[in-house]
C-alpha atoms as a PDB file:
ATOM      1  CA  UNK A   1     160.987  56.722  73.983  1.00  0.00           C
ATOM      2  CA  UNK A   2     159.560  58.258  70.828  1.00  0.00           C
ATOM      3  CA  UNK A   3     159.484  54.927  69.020  1.00  0.00           C
ATOM      4  CA  UNK A   4     157.648  53.408  71.973  1.00  0.00           C
ATOM      5  CA  UNK A   5     155.120  56.266  72.044  1.00  0.00           C
ATOM      6  CA  UNK A   6     154.283  55.825  68.365  1.00  0.00           C
ATOM      7  CA  UNK A   7     153.963  52.063  68.795  1.00  0.00           C
ATOM      8  CA  UNK A   8     157.045  50.996  66.820  1.00  0.00           C
ATOM      9  CA  UNK A   9     158.725  49.145  69.716  1.00  0.00           C
ATOM     10  CA  UNK A  10     157.342  47.135  72.618  1.00  0.00           C
ATOM     11  CA  UNK A  11     157.912  48.346  76.178  1.00  0.00           C
ATOM     12  CA  UNK A  12     160.585  45.765  77.066  1.00  0.00           C
ATOM     13  CA  UNK A  13     162.379  46.448  73.786  1.00  0.00           C
ATOM     14  CA  UNK A  14     162.317  50.188  74.511  1.00  0.00           C
ATOM     15  CA  UNK A  15     163.742  49.637  77.982  1.00  0.00           C
ATOM     16  CA  UNK A  16     166.542  47.545  76.467  1.00  0.00           C
ATOM     17  CA  UNK A  17     167.335  50.290  73.942  1.00  0.00           C
ATOM     18  CA  UNK A  18     167.492  52.905  76.706  1.00  0.00           C
ATOM     19  CA  UNK A  19     169.707  50.686  78.879  1.00  0.00           C
ATOM     20  CA  UNK A  20     172.015  49.968  75.934  1.00  0.00           C
ATOM     21  CA  UNK A  21     172.321  53.682  75.154  1.00  0.00           C
ATOM     22  CA  UNK A  22     173.177  54.516  78.756  1.00  0.00           C
ATOM     23  CA  UNK A  23     175.746  51.714  79.087  1.00  0.00           C
ATOM     24  CA  UNK A  24     177.298  52.652  75.753  1.00  0.00           C
ATOM     25  CA  UNK A  25     177.399  56.319  76.718  1.00  0.00           C
ATOM     26  CA  UNK A  26     179.177  55.580  80.008  1.00  0.00           C
ATOM     27  CA  UNK A  27     181.680  53.346  78.204  1.00  0.00           C
ATOM     28  CA  UNK A  28     182.285  56.128  75.676  1.00  0.00           C
ATOM     29  CA  UNK A  29     182.686  58.677  78.485  1.00  0.00           C
ATOM     30  CA  UNK A  30     185.389  56.577  80.107  1.00  0.00           C
ATOM     31  CA  UNK A  31     187.014  55.912  76.721  1.00  0.00           C
ATOM     32  CA  UNK A  32     187.261  59.697  76.273  1.00  0.00           C
ATOM     33  CA  UNK A  33     188.723  59.980  79.747  1.00  0.00           C
ATOM     34  CA  UNK A  34     191.364  57.384  78.914  1.00  0.00           C
ATOM     35  CA  UNK A  35     192.144  58.816  75.467  1.00  0.00           C
ATOM     36  CA  UNK A  36     192.518  62.428  76.573  1.00  0.00           C
ATOM     37  CA  UNK A  37     194.409  62.099  79.841  1.00  0.00           C
ATOM     38  CA  UNK A  38     191.528  62.197  82.279  1.00  0.00           C
ATOM     39  CA  UNK A  39     193.242  59.792  84.650  1.00  0.00           C
ATOM     40  CA  UNK A  40     196.364  61.969  84.857  1.00  0.00           C
ATOM     41  CA  UNK A  41     196.688  64.662  87.540  1.00  0.00           C
ATOM     42  CA  UNK A  42     196.438  68.339  86.628  1.00  0.00           C
ATOM     43  CA  UNK A  43     194.904  70.091  83.675  1.00  0.00           C
ATOM     44  CA  UNK A  44     194.463  67.771  80.730  1.00  0.00           C
ATOM     45  CA  UNK A  45     192.558  68.183  77.490  1.00  0.00           C
ATOM     46  CA  UNK A  46     189.831  66.026  79.031  1.00  0.00           C
ATOM     47  CA  UNK A  47     189.475  68.015  82.253  1.00  0.00           C
ATOM     48  CA  UNK A  48     189.623  71.396  80.508  1.00  0.00           C
ATOM     49  CA  UNK A  49     186.819  70.260  78.157  1.00  0.00           C
ATOM     50  CA  UNK A  50     184.670  69.115  81.065  1.00  0.00           C
ATOM     51  CA  UNK A  51     185.018  65.503  80.047  1.00  0.00           C
ATOM     52  CA  UNK A  52     183.068  66.132  76.856  1.00  0.00           C
ATOM     53  CA  UNK A  53     179.866  66.881  78.752  1.00  0.00           C
ATOM     54  CA  UNK A  54     177.541  69.438  77.199  1.00  0.00           C
ATOM     55  CA  UNK A  55     177.171  72.580  79.288  1.00  0.00           C
ATOM     56  CA  UNK A  56     174.626  75.361  79.591  1.00  0.00           C
ATOM     57  CA  UNK A  57     175.937  78.742  78.449  1.00  0.00           C
ATOM     58  CA  UNK A  58     176.474  81.423  81.065  1.00  0.00           C
ATOM     59  CA  UNK A  59     173.423  83.605  81.504  1.00  0.00           C
ATOM     60  CA  UNK A  60     170.833  81.005  80.511  1.00  0.00           C
ATOM     61  CA  UNK A  61     168.314  79.979  83.120  1.00  0.00           C
ATOM     62  CA  UNK A  62     167.607  76.329  83.735  1.00  0.00           C
ATOM     63  CA  UNK A  63     164.086  76.754  82.323  1.00  0.00           C
ATOM     64  CA  UNK A  64     165.446  78.324  79.131  1.00  0.00           C
ATOM     65  CA  UNK A  65     168.006  75.544  78.762  1.00  0.00           C
ATOM     66  CA  UNK A  66     165.295  72.900  79.225  1.00  0.00           C
ATOM     67  CA  UNK A  67     163.163  74.629  76.586  1.00  0.00           C
ATOM     68  CA  UNK A  68     166.078  74.765  74.144  1.00  0.00           C
ATOM     69  CA  UNK A  69     166.849  71.075  74.623  1.00  0.00           C
ATOM     70  CA  UNK A  70     163.137  70.253  74.230  1.00  0.00           C
ATOM     71  CA  UNK A  71     162.884  72.121  70.926  1.00  0.00           C
ATOM     72  CA  UNK A  72     166.147  70.669  69.576  1.00  0.00           C
ATOM     73  CA  UNK A  73     165.031  67.160  70.517  1.00  0.00           C
ATOM     74  CA  UNK A  74     161.538  67.628  69.091  1.00  0.00           C
ATOM     75  CA  UNK A  75     162.971  68.728  65.743  1.00  0.00           C
ATOM     76  CA  UNK A  76     165.233  65.668  65.680  1.00  0.00           C
ATOM     77  CA  UNK A  77     162.414  63.303  66.665  1.00  0.00           C
ATOM     78  CA  UNK A  78     160.164  64.768  63.954  1.00  0.00           C
ATOM     79  CA  UNK A  79     162.923  64.171  61.409  1.00  0.00           C
ATOM     80  CA  UNK A  80     163.407  60.565  62.524  1.00  0.00           C
ATOM     81  CA  UNK A  81     159.734  59.667  62.767  1.00  0.00           C
ATOM     82  CA  UNK A  82     158.637  61.397  59.575  1.00  0.00           C
ATOM     83  CA  UNK A  83     161.506  60.170  57.394  1.00  0.00           C
ATOM     84  CA  UNK A  84     163.139  56.987  58.651  1.00  0.00           C
ATOM     85  CA  UNK A  85     160.169  55.460  60.480  1.00  0.00           C
ATOM     86  CA  UNK A  86     157.221  56.479  58.274  1.00  0.00           C
ATOM     87  CA  UNK A  87     156.952  54.060  55.333  1.00  0.00           C
ATOM     88  CA  UNK A  88     155.255  56.750  53.238  1.00  0.00           C
ATOM     89  CA  UNK A  89     158.289  59.057  53.346  1.00  0.00           C
ATOM     90  CA  UNK A  90     160.888  59.250  50.585  1.00  0.00           C
ATOM     91  CA  UNK A  91     163.970  57.187  51.404  1.00  0.00           C
ATOM     92  CA  UNK A  92     166.092  60.179  52.400  1.00  0.00           C
ATOM     93  CA  UNK A  93     165.993  59.569  56.145  1.00  0.00           C
ATOM     94  CA  UNK A  94     169.724  59.425  56.796  1.00  0.00           C
ATOM     95  CA  UNK A  95     170.422  62.572  54.799  1.00  0.00           C
ATOM     96  CA  UNK A  96     167.592  64.548  56.377  1.00  0.00           C
ATOM     97  CA  UNK A  97     168.298  63.337  59.908  1.00  0.00           C
ATOM     98  CA  UNK A  98     171.986  64.196  59.505  1.00  0.00           C
ATOM     99  CA  UNK A  99     171.023  67.672  58.284  1.00  0.00           C
ATOM    100  CA  UNK A 100     168.754  68.192  61.283  1.00  0.00           C
ATOM    101  CA  UNK A 101     171.515  67.115  63.670  1.00  0.00           C
ATOM    102  CA  UNK A 102     173.922  69.570  62.036  1.00  0.00           C
ATOM    103  CA  UNK A 103     171.350  72.380  62.231  1.00  0.00           C
ATOM    104  CA  UNK A 104     170.507  71.551  65.857  1.00  0.00           C
ATOM    105  CA  UNK A 105     174.181  71.612  66.812  1.00  0.00           C
ATOM    106  CA  UNK A 106     174.788  74.891  64.995  1.00  0.00           C
ATOM    107  CA  UNK A 107     171.836  76.545  66.732  1.00  0.00           C
ATOM    108  CA  UNK A 108     171.912  74.859  70.138  1.00  0.00           C
ATOM    109  CA  UNK A 109     175.566  73.940  70.522  1.00  0.00           C
ATOM    110  CA  UNK A 110     176.665  77.319  71.885  1.00  0.00           C
ATOM    111  CA  UNK A 111     173.627  77.467  74.180  1.00  0.00           C
ATOM    112  CA  UNK A 112     173.302  74.017  75.747  1.00  0.00           C
ATOM    113  CA  UNK A 113     175.719  71.782  73.883  1.00  0.00           C
ATOM    114  CA  UNK A 114     172.769  70.391  71.892  1.00  0.00           C
ATOM    115  CA  UNK A 115     172.700  67.003  73.594  1.00  0.00           C
ATOM    116  CA  UNK A 116     169.214  66.081  72.247  1.00  0.00           C
ATOM    117  CA  UNK A 117     169.435  62.740  74.065  1.00  0.00           C
ATOM    118  CA  UNK A 118     169.902  62.130  77.799  1.00  0.00           C
ATOM    119  CA  UNK A 119     172.478  59.409  77.055  1.00  0.00           C
ATOM    120  CA  UNK A 120     174.664  61.936  75.178  1.00  0.00           C
ATOM    121  CA  UNK A 121     174.940  63.934  78.397  1.00  0.00           C
ATOM    122  CA  UNK A 122     174.925  61.012  80.853  1.00  0.00           C
ATOM    123  CA  UNK A 123     178.026  59.099  79.724  1.00  0.00           C
ATOM    124  CA  UNK A 124     180.528  61.956  79.811  1.00  0.00           C
ATOM    125  CA  UNK A 125     178.890  63.376  82.949  1.00  0.00           C
ATOM    126  CA  UNK A 126     179.353  60.091  84.821  1.00  0.00           C
ATOM    127  CA  UNK A 127     182.978  59.809  83.698  1.00  0.00           C
ATOM    128  CA  UNK A 128     183.607  63.438  84.679  1.00  0.00           C
ATOM    129  CA  UNK A 129     181.774  63.014  87.993  1.00  0.00           C
ATOM    130  CA  UNK A 130     179.403  65.956  87.512  1.00  0.00           C
ATOM    131  CA  UNK A 131     175.699  65.155  87.212  1.00  0.00           C
ATOM    132  CA  UNK A 132     174.595  68.713  87.972  1.00  0.00           C
ATOM    133  CA  UNK A 133     173.011  69.180  84.532  1.00  0.00           C
ATOM    134  CA  UNK A 134     170.615  66.264  84.998  1.00  0.00           C
ATOM    135  CA  UNK A 135     167.423  68.326  84.979  1.00  0.00           C
ATOM    136  CA  UNK A 136     168.274  70.132  81.742  1.00  0.00           C
ATOM    137  CA  UNK A 137     169.575  67.100  79.867  1.00  0.00           C
ATOM    138  CA  UNK A 138     166.906  64.635  81.001  1.00  0.00           C
ATOM    139  CA  UNK A 139     163.756  66.749  81.260  1.00  0.00           C
ATOM    140  CA  UNK A 140     164.325  68.836  78.115  1.00  0.00           C
ATOM    141  CA  UNK A 141     164.867  65.934  75.705  1.00  0.00           C
ATOM    142  CA  UNK A 142     162.049  63.916  77.277  1.00  0.00           C
ATOM    143  CA  UNK A 143     159.588  66.787  76.842  1.00  0.00           C
ATOM    144  CA  UNK A 144     160.683  67.292  73.246  1.00  0.00           C
ATOM    145  CA  UNK A 145     160.489  63.589  72.417  1.00  0.00           C
ATOM    146  CA  UNK A 146     157.053  63.173  74.001  1.00  0.00           C
ATOM    147  CA  UNK A 147     155.572  66.236  72.286  1.00  0.00           C
ATOM    148  CA  UNK A 148     156.961  65.259  68.883  1.00  0.00           C
ATOM    149  CA  UNK A 149     156.061  61.575  69.167  1.00  0.00           C
ATOM    150  CA  UNK A 150     152.506  62.160  70.354  1.00  0.00           C
ATOM    151  CA  UNK A 151     151.854  64.815  67.722  1.00  0.00           C
ATOM    152  CA  UNK A 152     153.182  62.475  65.011  1.00  0.00           C
ATOM    153  CA  UNK A 153     151.085  59.639  66.381  1.00  0.00           C
ATOM    154  CA  UNK A 154     147.854  61.620  66.451  1.00  0.00           C
ATOM    155  CA  UNK A 155     148.339  64.176  63.649  1.00  0.00           C
ATOM    156  CA  UNK A 156     150.357  62.297  61.021  1.00  0.00           C
ATOM    157  CA  UNK A 157     149.243  58.704  61.592  1.00  0.00           C
ATOM    158  CA  UNK A 158     147.917  56.741  58.650  1.00  0.00           C
ATOM    159  CA  UNK A 159     144.164  56.796  58.594  1.00  0.00           C
END
């Protein structure tokens, strides 16, 4: 979505990227289910871990969880757009983006699972059969991506 908002991909291309991420995430969710005993009855590593789905920590409200996911996603989108996408940036994109992902996970992991992308939540959630976190893991990242992308487009664009 962010790449589309800053004009780096066409609409149909963006839709294809989103569809590919969702299909890949569902395939990965079922691969996890197969690998960790999710098709077996009883408590398995897969079922105990919630199928690998991120989860909101006890005591956090839905609004707080959405805000956390929005901030985590915005930081990641800034890193991607201002390093890997911007031609003016030093060629350190992979290193900086990886560092941001690590930092996001360290900060947000215990709070929301630090999904930062609806597809990261969607695949395991479908395989586990629990889509109850949809609002947090769709709305939060979308808000963060939109805010970051539009601010990059209008504040950091080449003049």
